[in-house]
N, C-alpha and C. Protein backbone atom coordinates (compact mmCIF):
# COMPACT_ATOMS: atom_id res chain seq x y z
N MET A 1 0.83 -0.99 -0.27
CA MET A 1 0.18 -0.13 0.37
C MET A 1 0.93 1.02 -0.14
N CYS A 2 0.21 2.22 -0.57
CA CYS A 2 0.68 3.66 -0.57
C CYS A 2 1.10 4.00 0.67
N PRO A 3 2.29 4.51 1.37
CA PRO A 3 2.12 5.00 3.00
C PRO A 3 1.10 6.44 3.08
N ALA A 4 1.29 6.76 1.54
CA ALA A 4 0.41 9.00 1.88
C ALA A 4 -0.33 8.87 0.66
N ASP A 5 -0.71 10.01 0.41
CA ASP A 5 -1.48 10.39 -1.21
C ASP A 5 -0.24 10.92 -1.60
N ILE A 6 0.59 11.28 -0.94
CA ILE A 6 1.27 12.21 -1.06
C ILE A 6 2.72 11.54 -0.84
N CYS A 7 3.36 10.74 -2.38
CA CYS A 7 5.04 10.21 -2.20
C CYS A 7 5.83 10.96 -2.82
N GLN A 8 6.31 11.58 -1.83
CA GLN A 8 7.64 12.14 -2.30
C GLN A 8 9.47 12.01 -1.55
N ASN A 9 10.36 12.03 -2.51
CA ASN A 9 11.25 11.85 -1.87
C ASN A 9 11.66 13.39 -1.19
N THR A 10 12.96 12.94 -0.48
CA THR A 10 13.29 14.76 0.13
C THR A 10 13.25 15.77 -0.88
N ARG A 11 13.61 15.58 -1.89
CA ARG A 11 13.77 16.53 -3.14
C ARG A 11 12.50 16.40 -3.54
N GLY A 12 11.46 16.35 -2.97
CA GLY A 12 10.52 16.56 -3.79
C GLY A 12 9.69 15.48 -4.88
N GLU A 13 10.71 14.96 -5.19
CA GLU A 13 10.40 14.07 -6.51
C GLU A 13 9.39 12.83 -6.53
N GLU A 14 8.88 13.07 -7.36
CA GLU A 14 7.92 11.58 -7.14
C GLU A 14 8.39 10.27 -7.60
N LEU A 15 8.30 9.12 -6.24
CA LEU A 15 8.36 8.28 -6.59
C LEU A 15 7.55 7.44 -6.40
N THR A 16 7.90 6.22 -7.25
CA THR A 16 7.23 4.94 -8.34
C THR A 16 6.22 4.46 -7.31
N ARG A 17 4.90 4.52 -8.11
CA ARG A 17 3.88 3.93 -6.53
C ARG A 17 2.84 2.89 -7.94
N ILE A 18 3.95 1.66 -8.24
CA ILE A 18 3.01 0.95 -8.69
C ILE A 18 1.99 0.22 -8.04
N ALA A 19 1.68 -0.02 -6.81
CA ALA A 19 0.13 -0.80 -6.39
C ALA A 19 -0.63 0.70 -5.56
N CYS A 20 -0.13 1.73 -5.50
CA CYS A 20 -0.66 2.88 -4.97
C CYS A 20 -2.17 2.93 -4.92
N PRO A 21 -2.86 2.54 -4.15
CA PRO A 21 -4.36 3.10 -4.61
C PRO A 21 -4.78 4.82 -4.61
N VAL A 22 -3.69 5.64 -4.73
CA VAL A 22 -4.05 6.73 -5.00
C VAL A 22 -3.85 6.60 -7.09
N ASP A 23 -3.07 5.83 -7.38
CA ASP A 23 -2.75 6.00 -8.14
C ASP A 23 -3.32 4.59 -9.21
N ALA A 24 -4.53 4.42 -9.02
CA ALA A 24 -5.04 3.35 -9.06
C ALA A 24 -5.51 3.29 -10.39
N PRO A 25 -6.13 4.83 -10.32
CA PRO A 25 -6.94 4.72 -12.38
C PRO A 25 -5.60 4.49 -13.45
N LYS A 26 -4.84 5.61 -12.88
CA LYS A 26 -3.50 5.06 -13.94
C LYS A 26 -2.93 4.63 -14.35
N SER A 27 -2.90 3.24 -12.76
CA SER A 27 -2.39 2.02 -13.76
C SER A 27 -3.32 0.67 -13.78
N GLY A 28 -4.73 0.91 -13.64
CA GLY A 28 -5.69 0.32 -13.91
C GLY A 28 -6.21 -0.85 -13.00
N MET A 29 -5.46 0.27 -12.08
CA MET A 29 -6.59 -0.46 -10.61
C MET A 29 -7.36 -0.29 -10.48
N LYS A 30 -8.50 -1.06 -9.60
CA LYS A 30 -10.03 -0.41 -8.92
C LYS A 30 -9.92 -0.44 -7.79
N VAL A 31 -9.98 0.82 -7.23
CA VAL A 31 -10.54 0.73 -5.85
C VAL A 31 -11.61 0.79 -5.22
N GLU A 32 -12.12 0.21 -4.32
CA GLU A 32 -13.70 0.61 -4.65
C GLU A 32 -13.69 -0.39 -2.79
N GLY A 33 -15.19 -0.44 -2.07
CA GLY A 33 -14.91 -0.62 -0.63
C GLY A 33 -15.04 -2.27 -0.99
N TYR A 34 -15.04 -2.75 0.27
CA TYR A 34 -14.90 -3.81 -0.12
C TYR A 34 -15.45 -4.55 1.39
N GLU A 35 -16.21 -5.92 2.36
CA GLU A 35 -17.30 -6.12 3.12
C GLU A 35 -16.46 -7.49 3.43
N PRO A 36 -15.77 -7.56 4.43
CA PRO A 36 -14.91 -8.46 4.65
C PRO A 36 -15.57 -9.74 4.82
N PRO A 37 -15.35 -11.40 5.13
CA PRO A 37 -16.30 -12.63 5.69
C PRO A 37 -16.77 -12.11 6.68
N ARG A 38 -18.01 -12.57 7.46
CA ARG A 38 -18.21 -12.27 9.35
C ARG A 38 -17.53 -12.64 10.11
N GLN A 39 -16.31 -13.42 9.75
CA GLN A 39 -15.15 -14.61 10.36
C GLN A 39 -14.25 -13.77 10.82
N VAL A 40 -13.90 -12.93 9.57
CA VAL A 40 -12.41 -12.28 9.47
C VAL A 40 -13.00 -10.82 10.48
N ILE A 41 -14.26 -9.82 10.27
CA ILE A 41 -14.83 -9.73 11.78
C ILE A 41 -14.34 -9.71 12.56
N GLU A 42 -15.03 -11.05 13.04
CA GLU A 42 -15.17 -11.56 14.28
C GLU A 42 -13.72 -11.78 14.67
N ASP A 43 -13.05 -12.24 13.84
CA ASP A 43 -11.36 -12.12 14.42
C ASP A 43 -10.27 -10.70 14.75
N VAL A 44 -11.00 -9.90 13.76
CA VAL A 44 -10.52 -8.20 13.80
C VAL A 44 -10.91 -7.51 15.09
N GLU A 45 -12.15 -8.44 15.34
CA GLU A 45 -12.52 -7.60 16.81
C GLU A 45 -11.96 -8.24 18.20
N ARG A 46 -12.26 -9.82 17.99
CA ARG A 46 -10.88 -10.14 19.12
C ARG A 46 -9.67 -9.91 19.03
N ILE A 47 -8.89 -9.08 18.41
CA ILE A 47 -8.04 -9.14 18.21
C ILE A 47 -7.69 -7.28 18.92
N VAL A 48 -8.62 -6.17 18.05
CA VAL A 48 -8.64 -5.38 19.00
C VAL A 48 -8.77 -5.07 20.42
N GLU A 49 -9.95 -5.63 20.53
CA GLU A 49 -10.39 -5.96 22.63
C GLU A 49 -9.43 -6.60 23.42
N LEU A 50 -8.60 -8.13 22.92
CA LEU A 50 -7.43 -8.27 23.72
C LEU A 50 -6.43 -7.25 23.75
N ALA A 51 -5.95 -6.61 22.32
CA ALA A 51 -4.76 -5.73 22.17
C ALA A 51 -5.25 -4.21 23.46
N GLY A 52 -6.85 -4.12 23.28
CA GLY A 52 -6.91 -2.89 23.92
C GLY A 52 -7.24 -1.45 23.45
N VAL A 53 -7.40 -1.91 21.83
CA VAL A 53 -6.92 -0.49 20.40
C VAL A 53 -9.17 -0.29 19.90
N GLU A 54 -9.13 1.08 20.24
CA GLU A 54 -10.57 1.09 20.16
C GLU A 54 -11.12 1.83 19.22
N VAL A 55 -10.16 2.35 18.65
CA VAL A 55 -9.91 2.79 16.92
C VAL A 55 -8.71 2.15 16.17
N GLY A 56 -9.27 1.97 14.76
CA GLY A 56 -8.34 1.53 13.68
C GLY A 56 -8.32 0.29 13.03
N GLY A 57 -7.36 -0.31 12.56
CA GLY A 57 -7.95 -0.65 11.28
C GLY A 57 -6.74 -1.83 11.04
N ILE A 58 -6.97 -3.23 10.55
CA ILE A 58 -6.19 -4.00 10.69
C ILE A 58 -6.25 -5.08 8.92
N GLU A 59 -5.11 -4.88 8.81
CA GLU A 59 -5.12 -5.80 7.50
C GLU A 59 -5.24 -7.18 7.24
N TYR A 60 -5.35 -7.64 6.09
CA TYR A 60 -5.41 -9.59 6.15
C TYR A 60 -4.82 -9.75 4.70
N VAL A 61 -4.33 -10.96 4.69
CA VAL A 61 -4.61 -11.67 3.03
C VAL A 61 -4.66 -13.07 3.17
N VAL A 62 -4.84 -13.62 2.60
CA VAL A 62 -5.21 -15.27 2.72
C VAL A 62 -4.51 -16.12 2.03
N ASP A 63 -3.54 -16.59 2.47
CA ASP A 63 -2.58 -17.80 1.87
C ASP A 63 -3.05 -18.03 1.07
N ASP A 64 -3.18 -18.31 -0.76
CA ASP A 64 -3.70 -19.54 -1.54
C ASP A 64 -3.88 -20.70 -1.18
N ARG A 65 -2.66 -20.99 -0.64
CA ARG A 65 -2.47 -22.36 -0.99
C ARG A 65 -2.87 -23.02 0.44
N THR A 66 -2.96 -22.41 1.67
CA THR A 66 -3.93 -22.97 3.00
C THR A 66 -5.45 -22.74 3.02
N GLY A 67 -5.37 -21.12 2.26
CA GLY A 67 -6.71 -21.05 1.97
C GLY A 67 -7.10 -20.10 4.12
N ARG A 68 -5.82 -20.16 4.84
CA ARG A 68 -5.59 -19.66 6.04
C ARG A 68 -5.52 -18.14 6.14
N GLN A 69 -6.74 -17.06 6.58
CA GLN A 69 -6.49 -16.01 6.72
C GLN A 69 -5.05 -15.29 8.06
N LEU A 70 -4.18 -14.53 7.53
CA LEU A 70 -2.95 -14.14 7.99
C LEU A 70 -3.14 -12.13 8.22
N TYR A 71 -3.69 -12.07 9.40
CA TYR A 71 -3.55 -10.98 10.25
C TYR A 71 -2.23 -9.76 10.18
N TYR A 72 -2.20 -8.58 9.88
CA TYR A 72 -1.34 -8.21 9.82
C TYR A 72 -0.78 -6.50 9.98
N ASP A 73 -0.02 -5.52 10.07
CA ASP A 73 -0.34 -4.22 9.94
C ASP A 73 -1.58 -3.83 10.75
N VAL A 74 -1.58 -3.23 12.48
CA VAL A 74 -2.41 -2.87 13.28
C VAL A 74 -2.01 -1.49 12.70
N ASN A 75 -3.11 -1.28 12.46
CA ASN A 75 -2.97 0.58 12.11
C ASN A 75 -3.92 1.43 13.39
N ALA A 76 -3.74 2.50 14.14
CA ALA A 76 -4.31 3.36 14.74
C ALA A 76 -5.34 4.17 13.52
N LEU A 77 -4.73 4.39 12.55
CA LEU A 77 -6.08 4.91 11.44
C LEU A 77 -4.67 5.03 10.37
N SER A 78 -5.39 4.62 9.35
CA SER A 78 -5.02 4.24 8.33
C SER A 78 -5.12 5.69 7.60
N ASN A 79 -4.02 5.80 5.95
CA ASN A 79 -4.72 7.02 5.36
C ASN A 79 -4.94 6.58 3.87
N PHE A 80 -4.72 4.81 3.69
CA PHE A 80 -4.58 4.48 2.62
C PHE A 80 -5.88 4.92 1.18
N VAL A 81 -7.13 5.37 1.65
CA VAL A 81 -8.08 6.07 1.20
C VAL A 81 -8.22 7.13 0.76
N ALA A 82 -7.98 7.69 -0.80
CA ALA A 82 -7.63 9.20 -1.00
C ALA A 82 -8.94 9.66 -1.39
N ASP A 83 -10.35 9.02 -1.35
CA ASP A 83 -11.44 9.99 -0.84
C ASP A 83 -13.14 8.67 -0.31
N PRO A 84 -12.32 8.91 1.03
CA PRO A 84 -13.50 7.73 1.74
C PRO A 84 -14.76 7.84 1.49
N VAL A 85 -15.40 9.01 1.49
CA VAL A 85 -16.45 8.80 1.54
C VAL A 85 -16.82 8.04 -0.28
N ARG A 86 -16.33 8.34 -1.36
CA ARG A 86 -16.94 7.68 -2.15
C ARG A 86 -16.37 6.27 -2.38
N VAL A 87 -15.33 5.56 -2.04
CA VAL A 87 -15.16 4.71 -1.57
C VAL A 87 -15.81 3.58 -0.84
N ILE A 88 -15.13 3.80 1.05
CA ILE A 88 -15.84 3.01 1.38
C ILE A 88 -17.55 3.50 2.14
N GLY A 89 -17.68 4.39 1.97
CA GLY A 89 -19.22 5.31 2.68
C GLY A 89 -19.31 6.28 3.47
N PHE A 90 -18.24 6.31 3.73
CA PHE A 90 -18.17 7.64 5.10
C PHE A 90 -16.63 7.89 5.33
N ASN A 91 -16.45 9.10 5.77
CA ASN A 91 -15.09 9.32 6.22
C ASN A 91 -14.73 9.12 7.60
N PRO A 92 -13.80 8.24 7.56
CA PRO A 92 -12.98 7.43 9.00
C PRO A 92 -12.85 8.48 10.17
N TYR A 93 -11.73 9.94 9.46
CA TYR A 93 -11.54 10.70 9.83
C TYR A 93 -12.33 11.38 10.65
N ALA A 94 -13.95 11.88 10.18
CA ALA A 94 -14.69 13.02 11.09
C ALA A 94 -15.28 11.34 11.87
N ARG A 95 -15.38 10.53 11.80
CA ARG A 95 -15.85 9.08 12.82
C ARG A 95 -14.93 9.09 13.93
N LEU A 96 -13.93 9.29 13.49
CA LEU A 96 -12.34 9.22 14.91
C LEU A 96 -12.94 11.11 15.58
N ALA A 97 -12.69 11.84 14.93
CA ALA A 97 -13.20 12.73 15.60
C ALA A 97 -14.16 12.61 16.60
N ASP A 98 -15.55 12.74 16.34
CA ASP A 98 -16.11 12.42 16.76
C ASP A 98 -16.44 11.31 18.03
N PHE A 99 -15.55 10.26 17.67
CA PHE A 99 -15.80 9.17 18.49
C PHE A 99 -14.54 9.71 19.88
N LEU A 100 -13.66 10.61 19.30
CA LEU A 100 -12.67 11.59 20.69
C LEU A 100 -13.53 12.42 21.44
N ILE A 101 -13.63 13.15 20.59
CA ILE A 101 -15.00 14.13 21.45
C ILE A 101 -15.74 13.60 22.12
N GLY A 102 -16.33 12.27 22.43
CA GLY A 102 -17.17 11.61 22.87
C GLY A 102 -16.60 11.26 24.38
N GLU A 103 -15.47 10.38 23.72
CA GLU A 103 -14.41 10.30 25.15
C GLU A 103 -14.18 11.52 25.57
N ALA A 104 -13.93 12.58 25.24
CA ALA A 104 -13.26 13.53 26.07
C ALA A 104 -14.38 14.46 27.16
N GLN A 105 -15.66 14.33 26.22
CA GLN A 105 -16.44 14.93 26.74
C GLN A 105 -17.16 13.56 28.09
N ARG A 106 -17.02 12.23 28.01
CA ARG A 106 -17.30 11.48 28.79
C ARG A 106 -16.15 11.34 29.90
N HIS A 107 -15.19 11.46 29.73
CA HIS A 107 -14.11 11.28 30.29
C HIS A 107 -14.25 12.72 31.59
N GLU A 108 -14.75 13.91 30.98
CA GLU A 108 -14.69 15.38 31.27
C GLU A 108 -15.90 14.92 32.83
N ALA A 109 -17.11 14.56 32.08
CA ALA A 109 -18.42 14.08 32.91
C ALA A 109 -17.88 13.07 34.11
N ASN A 110 -16.95 12.19 33.78
CA ASN A 110 -16.31 11.53 35.18
C ASN A 110 -15.81 12.44 36.17
N ARG A 111 -15.62 13.32 35.56
CA ARG A 111 -13.98 14.03 36.45
C ARG A 111 -15.48 15.10 37.28
N ASN A 112 -15.88 15.32 36.23
CA ASN A 112 -16.96 15.86 37.66
C ASN A 112 -17.90 15.60 38.30
N GLU A 113 -18.12 14.19 38.10
CA GLU A 113 -18.70 13.20 39.17
C GLU A 113 -18.17 12.90 40.41
N HIS A 114 -16.92 12.97 40.07
CA HIS A 114 -15.95 12.66 41.03
C HIS A 114 -15.81 13.47 42.04
N VAL A 115 -15.08 14.91 41.41
CA VAL A 115 -15.35 16.07 42.14
C VAL A 115 -16.57 16.23 43.31
N ALA A 116 -17.63 17.06 42.49
CA ALA A 116 -18.69 16.86 43.34
C ALA A 116 -18.86 15.67 44.21
N ALA A 117 -18.74 14.57 44.09
CA ALA A 117 -19.16 13.04 44.79
C ALA A 117 -17.26 13.20 46.30
N SER A 118 -17.00 14.26 45.48
CA SER A 118 -15.70 14.31 47.13
C SER A 118 -15.77 15.55 47.44
N GLY A 119 -16.61 16.22 47.68
CA GLY A 119 -16.97 17.26 48.13
C GLY A 119 -16.30 19.08 47.61
N GLY A 120 -16.19 19.26 45.81
CA GLY A 120 -15.83 19.83 45.28
C GLY A 120 -14.28 19.89 45.30
N PRO A 121 -13.57 21.17 44.06
CA PRO A 121 -12.46 20.68 44.30
C PRO A 121 -11.88 21.49 45.77
N ARG A 122 -10.32 20.62 46.03
CA ARG A 122 -9.43 21.54 47.30
C ARG A 122 -8.41 21.81 46.98
């Protein structure tokens, strides 16, 4: 996968990106949303639960020889989709922002409850 939408070296020269989704139309690749099998979703949910990851993504491949699913590359936030609303139907960055704002509000409410229960700030 391409590490980012802008792949340049330190001199500003464009790097060759044969399999980069950003260059998909130029290289004849098709980039589209994909719904993984239910077992993959359950495996990934179990992995992130055990790892304590609340937001992120995990990539996987299927071994053609054995049919075994191999999980790798755990990301807190992936940037491989250049146009996420069109490709996957939503903006993961906006969802992450909403999640983080909600977590901050929940944390603040819990802190305020704790302060009130202890008789106020000291």
